[in-house]
Amino acid sequence: MQVYSDWQVEKMGKEYRNDERWNSIKLRAGNVTKTYYQYTVIMIAILMTFSLFWPTNILVRLDRVLLILLLIIDLGHVVEYLAVKRLDKVM
């Protein structure tokens, strides 16, 4: 999904020839993606805090944790793509 979203954003950039409007769209989409990652970090911190004070131990396999983190990072690219599509229609 990351490859497709990056390819679509690159394609749109070539269509608009990196004009001022396109730079504004990319900047706003970057802000949306940054907000997504900030809320993701906050949610992980809250979950880690709850897990510290949970009465029983929670065992999670490392490969599951890494897979979930990879999916969260990949979802950031999808969020940026959707923000670009939305802002392209609005602006």
PDB file of N, CA and C in Angstrom:
ATOM      1  N   MET A   1       0.822  -1.189   0.000  1.00  0.00           N
ATOM      2  CA  MET A   1       0.000   0.000   0.000  1.00  0.00           C
ATOM      3  C   MET A   1       0.872   1.261   0.000  1.00  0.00           C
ATOM      4  N   GLN A   2       2.008   1.161   0.675  1.00  0.00           N
ATOM      5  CA  GLN A   2       2.908   2.300   0.728  1.00  0.00           C
ATOM      6  C   GLN A   2       3.429   2.647  -0.661  1.00  0.00           C
ATOM      7  N   VAL A   3       3.769   1.640  -1.428  1.00  0.00           N
ATOM      8  CA  VAL A   3       4.304   1.879  -2.767  1.00  0.00           C
ATOM      9  C   VAL A   3       3.251   2.555  -3.641  1.00  0.00           C
ATOM     10  N   TYR A   4       2.012   2.083  -3.560  1.00  0.00           N
ATOM     11  CA  TYR A   4       0.935   2.668  -4.361  1.00  0.00           C
ATOM     12  C   TYR A   4       0.679   4.115  -3.967  1.00  0.00           C
ATOM     13  N   SER A   5       0.614   4.383  -2.665  1.00  0.00           N
ATOM     14  CA  SER A   5       0.328   5.751  -2.230  1.00  0.00           C
ATOM     15  C   SER A   5       1.467   6.695  -2.613  1.00  0.00           C
ATOM     16  N   ASP A   6       2.715   6.237  -2.450  1.00  0.00           N
ATOM     17  CA  ASP A   6       3.841   7.085  -2.855  1.00  0.00           C
ATOM     18  C   ASP A   6       3.839   7.324  -4.363  1.00  0.00           C
ATOM     19  N   TRP A   7       3.499   6.287  -5.127  1.00  0.00           N
ATOM     20  CA  TRP A   7       3.452   6.414  -6.583  1.00  0.00           C
ATOM     21  C   TRP A   7       2.377   7.415  -7.012  1.00  0.00           C
ATOM     22  N   GLN A   8       1.214   7.365  -6.365  1.00  0.00           N
ATOM     23  CA  GLN A   8       0.135   8.291  -6.706  1.00  0.00           C
ATOM     24  C   GLN A   8       0.511   9.735  -6.378  1.00  0.00           C
ATOM     25  N   VAL A   9       1.160   9.937  -5.233  1.00  0.00           N
ATOM     26  CA  VAL A   9       1.568  11.291  -4.852  1.00  0.00           C
ATOM     27  C   VAL A   9       2.621  11.813  -5.830  1.00  0.00           C
ATOM     28  N   GLU A  10       3.568  10.960  -6.212  1.00  0.00           N
ATOM     29  CA  GLU A  10       4.576  11.364  -7.207  1.00  0.00           C
ATOM     30  C   GLU A  10       3.921  11.714  -8.541  1.00  0.00           C
ATOM     31  N   LYS A  11       2.946  10.912  -8.937  1.00  0.00           N
ATOM     32  CA  LYS A  11       2.240  11.148 -10.198  1.00  0.00           C
ATOM     33  C   LYS A  11       1.509  12.488 -10.164  1.00  0.00           C
ATOM     34  N   MET A  12       0.850  12.780  -9.038  1.00  0.00           N
ATOM     35  CA  MET A  12       0.144  14.052  -8.915  1.00  0.00           C
ATOM     36  C   MET A  12       1.129  15.220  -8.928  1.00  0.00           C
ATOM     37  N   GLY A  13       2.298  15.028  -8.308  1.00  0.00           N
ATOM     38  CA  GLY A  13       3.319  16.074  -8.314  1.00  0.00           C
ATOM     39  C   GLY A  13       3.808  16.387  -9.717  1.00  0.00           C
ATOM     40  N   LYS A  14       3.936  15.350 -10.542  1.00  0.00           N
ATOM     41  CA  LYS A  14       4.356  15.577 -11.932  1.00  0.00           C
ATOM     42  C   LYS A  14       3.263  16.278 -12.727  1.00  0.00           C
ATOM     43  N   GLU A  15       1.999  15.956 -12.436  1.00  0.00           N
ATOM     44  CA  GLU A  15       0.891  16.606 -13.140  1.00  0.00           C
ATOM     45  C   GLU A  15       0.832  18.099 -12.829  1.00  0.00           C
ATOM     46  N   TYR A  16       1.062  18.434 -11.557  1.00  0.00           N
ATOM     47  CA  TYR A  16       0.989  19.840 -11.156  1.00  0.00           C
ATOM     48  C   TYR A  16       2.315  20.570 -11.337  1.00  0.00           C
ATOM     49  N   ARG A  17       3.357  19.853 -11.708  1.00  0.00           N
ATOM     50  CA  ARG A  17       4.688  20.416 -11.959  1.00  0.00           C
ATOM     51  C   ARG A  17       5.220  21.198 -10.759  1.00  0.00           C
ATOM     52  N   ASN A  18       4.903  20.723  -9.559  1.00  0.00           N
ATOM     53  CA  ASN A  18       5.397  21.300  -8.305  1.00  0.00           C
ATOM     54  C   ASN A  18       5.151  22.807  -8.214  1.00  0.00           C
ATOM     55  N   ASP A  19       3.950  23.237  -8.591  1.00  0.00           N
ATOM     56  CA  ASP A  19       3.622  24.657  -8.485  1.00  0.00           C
ATOM     57  C   ASP A  19       3.304  25.003  -7.026  1.00  0.00           C
ATOM     58  N   GLU A  20       2.940  26.249  -6.805  1.00  0.00           N
ATOM     59  CA  GLU A  20       2.716  26.741  -5.444  1.00  0.00           C
ATOM     60  C   GLU A  20       1.545  26.030  -4.766  1.00  0.00           C
ATOM     61  N   ARG A  21       0.509  25.757  -5.523  1.00  0.00           N
ATOM     62  CA  ARG A  21      -0.656  25.056  -4.966  1.00  0.00           C
ATOM     63  C   ARG A  21      -0.270  23.651  -4.522  1.00  0.00           C
ATOM     64  N   TRP A  22       0.510  22.961  -5.333  1.00  0.00           N
ATOM     65  CA  TRP A  22       0.931  21.607  -4.991  1.00  0.00           C
ATOM     66  C   TRP A  22       1.823  21.606  -3.749  1.00  0.00           C
ATOM     67  N   ASN A  23       2.711  22.583  -3.650  1.00  0.00           N
ATOM     68  CA  ASN A  23       3.558  22.676  -2.460  1.00  0.00           C
ATOM     69  C   ASN A  23       2.721  22.925  -1.216  1.00  0.00           C
ATOM     70  N   SER A  24       1.672  23.727  -1.337  1.00  0.00           N
ATOM     71  CA  SER A  24       0.779  23.976  -0.212  1.00  0.00           C
ATOM     72  C   SER A  24       0.027  22.706   0.183  1.00  0.00           C
ATOM     73  N   ILE A  25      -0.425  21.949  -0.809  1.00  0.00           N
ATOM     74  CA  ILE A  25      -1.121  20.685  -0.529  1.00  0.00           C
ATOM     75  C   ILE A  25      -0.183  19.715   0.177  1.00  0.00           C
ATOM     76  N   LYS A  26       1.050  19.593  -0.313  1.00  0.00           N
ATOM     77  CA  LYS A  26       2.023  18.684   0.295  1.00  0.00           C
ATOM     78  C   LYS A  26       2.345  19.099   1.727  1.00  0.00           C
ATOM     79  N   LEU A  27       2.438  20.413   1.962  1.00  0.00           N
ATOM     80  CA  LEU A  27       2.740  20.906   3.302  1.00  0.00           C
ATOM     81  C   LEU A  27       1.606  20.576   4.266  1.00  0.00           C
ATOM     82  N   ARG A  28       0.378  20.804   3.843  1.00  0.00           N
ATOM     83  CA  ARG A  28      -0.765  20.494   4.704  1.00  0.00           C
ATOM     84  C   ARG A  28      -0.915  18.995   4.926  1.00  0.00           C
ATOM     85  N   ALA A  29      -0.679  18.201   3.891  1.00  0.00           N
ATOM     86  CA  ALA A  29      -0.742  16.743   4.045  1.00  0.00           C
ATOM     87  C   ALA A  29       0.358  16.259   4.984  1.00  0.00           C
ATOM     88  N   GLY A  30       1.513  16.887   4.925  1.00  0.00           N
ATOM     89  CA  GLY A  30       2.591  16.557   5.858  1.00  0.00           C
ATOM     90  C   GLY A  30       2.209  16.867   7.292  1.00  0.00           C
ATOM     91  N   ASN A  31       1.482  17.965   7.493  1.00  0.00           N
ATOM     92  CA  ASN A  31       1.011  18.300   8.836  1.00  0.00           C
ATOM     93  C   ASN A  31       0.002  17.277   9.341  1.00  0.00           C
ATOM     94  N   VAL A  32      -0.868  16.799   8.454  1.00  0.00           N
ATOM     95  CA  VAL A  32      -1.837  15.763   8.841  1.00  0.00           C
ATOM     96  C   VAL A  32      -1.108  14.483   9.229  1.00  0.00           C
ATOM     97  N   THR A  33      -0.101  14.112   8.453  1.00  0.00           N
ATOM     98  CA  THR A  33       0.668  12.906   8.746  1.00  0.00           C
ATOM     99  C   THR A  33       1.433  13.058  10.056  1.00  0.00           C
ATOM    100  N   LYS A  34       1.985  14.227  10.282  1.00  0.00           N
ATOM    101  CA  LYS A  34       2.704  14.484  11.534  1.00  0.00           C
ATOM    102  C   LYS A  34       1.762  14.355  12.725  1.00  0.00           C
ATOM    103  N   THR A  35       0.548  14.869  12.595  1.00  0.00           N
ATOM    104  CA  THR A  35      -0.447  14.746  13.662  1.00  0.00           C
ATOM    105  C   THR A  35      -0.804  13.284  13.900  1.00  0.00           C
ATOM    106  N   TYR A  36      -0.928  12.502  12.825  1.00  0.00           N
ATOM    107  CA  TYR A  36      -1.202  11.066  12.957  1.00  0.00           C
ATOM    108  C   TYR A  36      -0.108  10.385  13.774  1.00  0.00           C
ATOM    109  N   TYR A  37       1.148  10.667  13.448  1.00  0.00           N
ATOM    110  CA  TYR A  37       2.254  10.040  14.175  1.00  0.00           C
ATOM    111  C   TYR A  37       2.313  10.518  15.625  1.00  0.00           C
ATOM    112  N   GLN A  38       1.990  11.784  15.880  1.00  0.00           N
ATOM    113  CA  GLN A  38       1.984  12.287  17.253  1.00  0.00           C
ATOM    114  C   GLN A  38       0.931  11.571  18.089  1.00  0.00           C
ATOM    115  N   TYR A  39      -0.279  11.417  17.548  1.00  0.00           N
ATOM    116  CA  TYR A  39      -1.319  10.709  18.283  1.00  0.00           C
ATOM    117  C   TYR A  39      -0.978   9.234  18.451  1.00  0.00           C
ATOM    118  N   THR A  40      -0.290   8.655  17.483  1.00  0.00           N
ATOM    119  CA  THR A  40       0.131   7.262  17.602  1.00  0.00           C
ATOM    120  C   THR A  40       1.126   7.100  18.746  1.00  0.00           C
ATOM    121  N   VAL A  41       2.081   8.006  18.849  1.00  0.00           N
ATOM    122  CA  VAL A  41       3.061   7.946  19.933  1.00  0.00           C
ATOM    123  C   VAL A  41       2.378   8.137  21.282  1.00  0.00           C
ATOM    124  N   ILE A  42       1.415   9.040  21.355  1.00  0.00           N
ATOM    125  CA  ILE A  42       0.684   9.256  22.606  1.00  0.00           C
ATOM    126  C   ILE A  42      -0.087   8.003  23.002  1.00  0.00           C
ATOM    127  N   MET A  43      -0.732   7.353  22.027  1.00  0.00           N
ATOM    128  CA  MET A  43      -1.479   6.124  22.329  1.00  0.00           C
ATOM    129  C   MET A  43      -0.544   5.007  22.798  1.00  0.00           C
ATOM    130  N   ILE A  44       0.619   4.889  22.183  1.00  0.00           N
ATOM    131  CA  ILE A  44       1.584   3.871  22.613  1.00  0.00           C
ATOM    132  C   ILE A  44       2.069   4.164  24.027  1.00  0.00           C
ATOM    133  N   ALA A  45       2.313   5.431  24.339  1.00  0.00           N
ATOM    134  CA  ALA A  45       2.751   5.795  25.685  1.00  0.00           C
ATOM    135  C   ALA A  45       1.672   5.476  26.721  1.00  0.00           C
ATOM    136  N   ILE A  46       0.421   5.749  26.388  1.00  0.00           N
ATOM    137  CA  ILE A  46      -0.679   5.440  27.311  1.00  0.00           C
ATOM    138  C   ILE A  46      -0.793   3.937  27.516  1.00  0.00           C
ATOM    139  N   LEU A  47      -0.696   3.163  26.432  1.00  0.00           N
ATOM    140  CA  LEU A  47      -0.763   1.706  26.559  1.00  0.00           C
ATOM    141  C   LEU A  47       0.400   1.153  27.372  1.00  0.00           C
ATOM    142  N   MET A  48       1.583   1.715  27.190  1.00  0.00           N
ATOM    143  CA  MET A  48       2.733   1.260  27.979  1.00  0.00           C
ATOM    144  C   MET A  48       2.555   1.598  29.455  1.00  0.00           C
ATOM    145  N   THR A  49       1.993   2.758  29.740  1.00  0.00           N
ATOM    146  CA  THR A  49       1.752   3.140  31.133  1.00  0.00           C
ATOM    147  C   THR A  49       0.735   2.215  31.779  1.00  0.00           C
ATOM    148  N   PHE A  50      -0.353   1.901  31.056  1.00  0.00           N
ATOM    149  CA  PHE A  50      -1.335   0.964  31.593  1.00  0.00           C
ATOM    150  C   PHE A  50      -0.737  -0.415  31.801  1.00  0.00           C
ATOM    151  N   SER A  51       0.132  -0.842  30.898  1.00  0.00           N
ATOM    152  CA  SER A  51       0.717  -2.178  31.036  1.00  0.00           C
ATOM    153  C   SER A  51       1.666  -2.259  32.226  1.00  0.00           C
ATOM    154  N   LEU A  52       2.260  -1.131  32.623  1.00  0.00           N
ATOM    155  CA  LEU A  52       3.129  -1.140  33.801  1.00  0.00           C
ATOM    156  C   LEU A  52       2.343  -1.400  35.081  1.00  0.00           C
ATOM    157  N   PHE A  53       1.141  -0.879  35.166  1.00  0.00           N
ATOM    158  CA  PHE A  53       0.353  -0.991  36.387  1.00  0.00           C
ATOM    159  C   PHE A  53      -0.714  -2.069  36.316  1.00  0.00           C
ATOM    160  N   TRP A  54      -0.729  -2.855  35.258  1.00  0.00           N
ATOM    161  CA  TRP A  54      -1.680  -3.959  35.125  1.00  0.00           C
ATOM    162  C   TRP A  54      -1.267  -5.066  36.091  1.00  0.00           C
ATOM    163  N   PRO A  55      -2.214  -5.680  36.811  1.00  0.00           N
ATOM    164  CA  PRO A  55      -1.841  -6.658  37.839  1.00  0.00           C
ATOM    165  C   PRO A  55      -1.191  -7.939  37.298  1.00  0.00           C
ATOM    166  N   THR A  56      -1.465  -8.314  36.071  1.00  0.00           N
ATOM    167  CA  THR A  56      -0.853  -9.527  35.526  1.00  0.00           C
ATOM    168  C   THR A  56       0.092  -9.164  34.387  1.00  0.00           C
ATOM    169  N   ASN A  57       1.053 -10.031  34.151  1.00  0.00           N
ATOM    170  CA  ASN A  57       1.990  -9.794  33.051  1.00  0.00           C
ATOM    171  C   ASN A  57       1.326 -10.115  31.717  1.00  0.00           C
ATOM    172  N   ILE A  58       1.637  -9.317  30.738  1.00  0.00           N
ATOM    173  CA  ILE A  58       1.123  -9.540  29.394  1.00  0.00           C
ATOM    174  C   ILE A  58       2.307  -9.966  28.527  1.00  0.00           C
ATOM    175  N   LEU A  59       2.218 -11.151  27.967  1.00  0.00           N
ATOM    176  CA  LEU A  59       3.293 -11.653  27.116  1.00  0.00           C
ATOM    177  C   LEU A  59       2.886 -11.491  25.652  1.00  0.00           C
ATOM    178  N   VAL A  60       3.725 -10.802  24.903  1.00  0.00           N
ATOM    179  CA  VAL A  60       3.467 -10.577  23.489  1.00  0.00           C
ATOM    180  C   VAL A  60       4.729 -10.977  22.727  1.00  0.00           C
ATOM    181  N   ARG A  61       4.545 -11.698  21.634  1.00  0.00           N
ATOM    182  CA  ARG A  61       5.700 -12.109  20.842  1.00  0.00           C
ATOM    183  C   ARG A  61       6.290 -10.910  20.116  1.00  0.00           C
ATOM    184  N   LEU A  62       7.604 -10.931  19.982  1.00  0.00           N
ATOM    185  CA  LEU A  62       8.315  -9.812  19.372  1.00  0.00           C
ATOM    186  C   LEU A  62       7.932  -9.632  17.907  1.00  0.00           C
ATOM    187  N   ASP A  63       7.733 -10.720  17.181  1.00  0.00           N
ATOM    188  CA  ASP A  63       7.378 -10.580  15.767  1.00  0.00           C
ATOM    189  C   ASP A  63       6.007  -9.940  15.596  1.00  0.00           C
ATOM    190  N   ARG A  64       5.106 -10.180  16.539  1.00  0.00           N
ATOM    191  CA  ARG A  64       3.791  -9.516  16.477  1.00  0.00           C
ATOM    192  C   ARG A  64       3.922  -8.015  16.701  1.00  0.00           C
ATOM    193  N   VAL A  65       4.738  -7.649  17.673  1.00  0.00           N
ATOM    194  CA  VAL A  65       4.937  -6.229  17.964  1.00  0.00           C
ATOM    195  C   VAL A  65       5.570  -5.526  16.763  1.00  0.00           C
ATOM    196  N   LEU A  66       6.572  -6.154  16.164  1.00  0.00           N
ATOM    197  CA  LEU A  66       7.225  -5.551  15.005  1.00  0.00           C
ATOM    198  C   LEU A  66       6.280  -5.447  13.819  1.00  0.00           C
ATOM    199  N   LEU A  67       5.429  -6.444  13.629  1.00  0.00           N
ATOM    200  CA  LEU A  67       4.448  -6.395  12.546  1.00  0.00           C
ATOM    201  C   LEU A  67       3.454  -5.256  12.756  1.00  0.00           C
ATOM    202  N   ILE A  68       2.985  -5.101  13.974  1.00  0.00           N
ATOM    203  CA  ILE A  68       2.044  -4.019  14.279  1.00  0.00           C
ATOM    204  C   ILE A  68       2.703  -2.656  14.060  1.00  0.00           C
ATOM    205  N   LEU A  69       3.954  -2.510  14.491  1.00  0.00           N
ATOM    206  CA  LEU A  69       4.660  -1.244  14.271  1.00  0.00           C
ATOM    207  C   LEU A  69       4.861  -0.963  12.786  1.00  0.00           C
ATOM    208  N   LEU A  70       5.173  -1.988  12.014  1.00  0.00           N
ATOM    209  CA  LEU A  70       5.318  -1.818  10.571  1.00  0.00           C
ATOM    210  C   LEU A  70       4.004  -1.378   9.935  1.00  0.00           C
ATOM    211  N   LEU A  71       2.902  -1.972  10.363  1.00  0.00           N
ATOM    212  CA  LEU A  71       1.597  -1.593   9.823  1.00  0.00           C
ATOM    213  C   LEU A  71       1.223  -0.161  10.200  1.00  0.00           C
ATOM    214  N   ILE A  72       1.575   0.247  11.412  1.00  0.00           N
ATOM    215  CA  ILE A  72       1.292   1.618  11.842  1.00  0.00           C
ATOM    216  C   ILE A  72       2.093   2.614  11.004  1.00  0.00           C
ATOM    217  N   ILE A  73       3.360   2.298  10.751  1.00  0.00           N
ATOM    218  CA  ILE A  73       4.190   3.185   9.931  1.00  0.00           C
ATOM    219  C   ILE A  73       3.671   3.229   8.500  1.00  0.00           C
ATOM    220  N   ASP A  74       3.311   2.064   7.949  1.00  0.00           N
ATOM    221  CA  ASP A  74       2.759   2.035   6.590  1.00  0.00           C
ATOM    222  C   ASP A  74       1.439   2.785   6.501  1.00  0.00           C
ATOM    223  N   LEU A  75       0.645   2.721   7.540  1.00  0.00           N
ATOM    224  CA  LEU A  75      -0.621   3.439   7.544  1.00  0.00           C
ATOM    225  C   LEU A  75      -0.397   4.951   7.486  1.00  0.00           C
ATOM    226  N   GLY A  76       0.743   5.413   7.975  1.00  0.00           N
ATOM    227  CA  GLY A  76       1.078   6.833   7.870  1.00  0.00           C
ATOM    228  C   GLY A  76       1.179   7.296   6.427  1.00  0.00           C
ATOM    229  N   HIS A  77       1.707   6.444   5.558  1.00  0.00           N
ATOM    230  CA  HIS A  77       1.783   6.784   4.135  1.00  0.00           C
ATOM    231  C   HIS A  77       0.390   6.844   3.518  1.00  0.00           C
ATOM    232  N   VAL A  78      -0.474   5.952   3.947  1.00  0.00           N
ATOM    233  CA  VAL A  78      -1.850   5.958   3.444  1.00  0.00           C
ATOM    234  C   VAL A  78      -2.574   7.213   3.924  1.00  0.00           C
ATOM    235  N   VAL A  79      -2.336   7.609   5.167  1.00  0.00           N
ATOM    236  CA  VAL A  79      -2.941   8.831   5.700  1.00  0.00           C
ATOM    237  C   VAL A  79      -2.481  10.038   4.885  1.00  0.00           C
ATOM    238  N   GLU A  80      -1.197  10.080   4.548  1.00  0.00           N
ATOM    239  CA  GLU A  80      -0.696  11.193   3.736  1.00  0.00           C
ATOM    240  C   GLU A  80      -1.341  11.196   2.351  1.00  0.00           C
ATOM    241  N   TYR A  81      -1.474  10.034   1.753  1.00  0.00           N
ATOM    242  CA  TYR A  81      -2.099   9.937   0.427  1.00  0.00           C
ATOM    243  C   TYR A  81      -3.547  10.406   0.476  1.00  0.00           C
ATOM    244  N   LEU A  82      -4.295   9.958   1.479  1.00  0.00           N
ATOM    245  CA  LEU A  82      -5.694  10.370   1.597  1.00  0.00           C
ATOM    246  C   LEU A  82      -5.810  11.867   1.869  1.00  0.00           C
ATOM    247  N   ALA A  83      -4.873  12.410   2.646  1.00  0.00           N
ATOM    248  CA  ALA A  83      -4.884  13.853   2.899  1.00  0.00           C
ATOM    249  C   ALA A  83      -4.602  14.628   1.616  1.00  0.00           C
ATOM    250  N   VAL A  84      -3.678  14.131   0.804  1.00  0.00           N
ATOM    251  CA  VAL A  84      -3.379  14.791  -0.473  1.00  0.00           C
ATOM    252  C   VAL A  84      -4.601  14.752  -1.383  1.00  0.00           C
ATOM    253  N   LYS A  85      -5.258  13.598  -1.461  1.00  0.00           N
ATOM    254  CA  LYS A  85      -6.454  13.480  -2.305  1.00  0.00           C
ATOM    255  C   LYS A  85      -7.547  14.435  -1.834  1.00  0.00           C
ATOM    256  N   ARG A  86      -7.762  14.503  -0.527  1.00  0.00           N
ATOM    257  CA  ARG A  86      -8.813  15.366   0.025  1.00  0.00           C
ATOM    258  C   ARG A  86      -8.485  16.841  -0.199  1.00  0.00           C
ATOM    259  N   LEU A  87      -7.252  17.219   0.098  1.00  0.00           N
ATOM    260  CA  LEU A  87      -6.865  18.619  -0.062  1.00  0.00           C
ATOM    261  C   LEU A  87      -6.834  19.030  -1.528  1.00  0.00           C
ATOM    262  N   ASP A  88      -6.566  18.090  -2.420  1.00  0.00           N
ATOM    263  CA  ASP A  88      -6.584  18.397  -3.848  1.00  0.00           C
ATOM    264  C   ASP A  88      -7.993  18.753  -4.301  1.00  0.00           C
ATOM    265  N   LYS A  89      -8.987  18.094  -3.727  1.00  0.00           N
ATOM    266  CA  LYS A  89     -10.377  18.405  -4.088  1.00  0.00           C
ATOM    267  C   LYS A  89     -10.856  19.699  -3.440  1.00  0.00           C
ATOM    268  N   VAL A  90     -10.402  19.958  -2.218  1.00  0.00           N
ATOM    269  CA  VAL A  90     -10.882  21.120  -1.467  1.00  0.00           C
ATOM    270  C   VAL A  90     -10.238  22.410  -1.973  1.00  0.00           C
ATOM    271  N   MET A  91      -8.937  22.375  -2.230  1.00  0.00           N
ATOM    272  CA  MET A  91      -8.224  23.610  -2.592  1.00  0.00           C
ATOM    273  C   MET A  91      -8.377  23.938  -4.047  1.00  0.00           C
TER     274      MET A  91
END
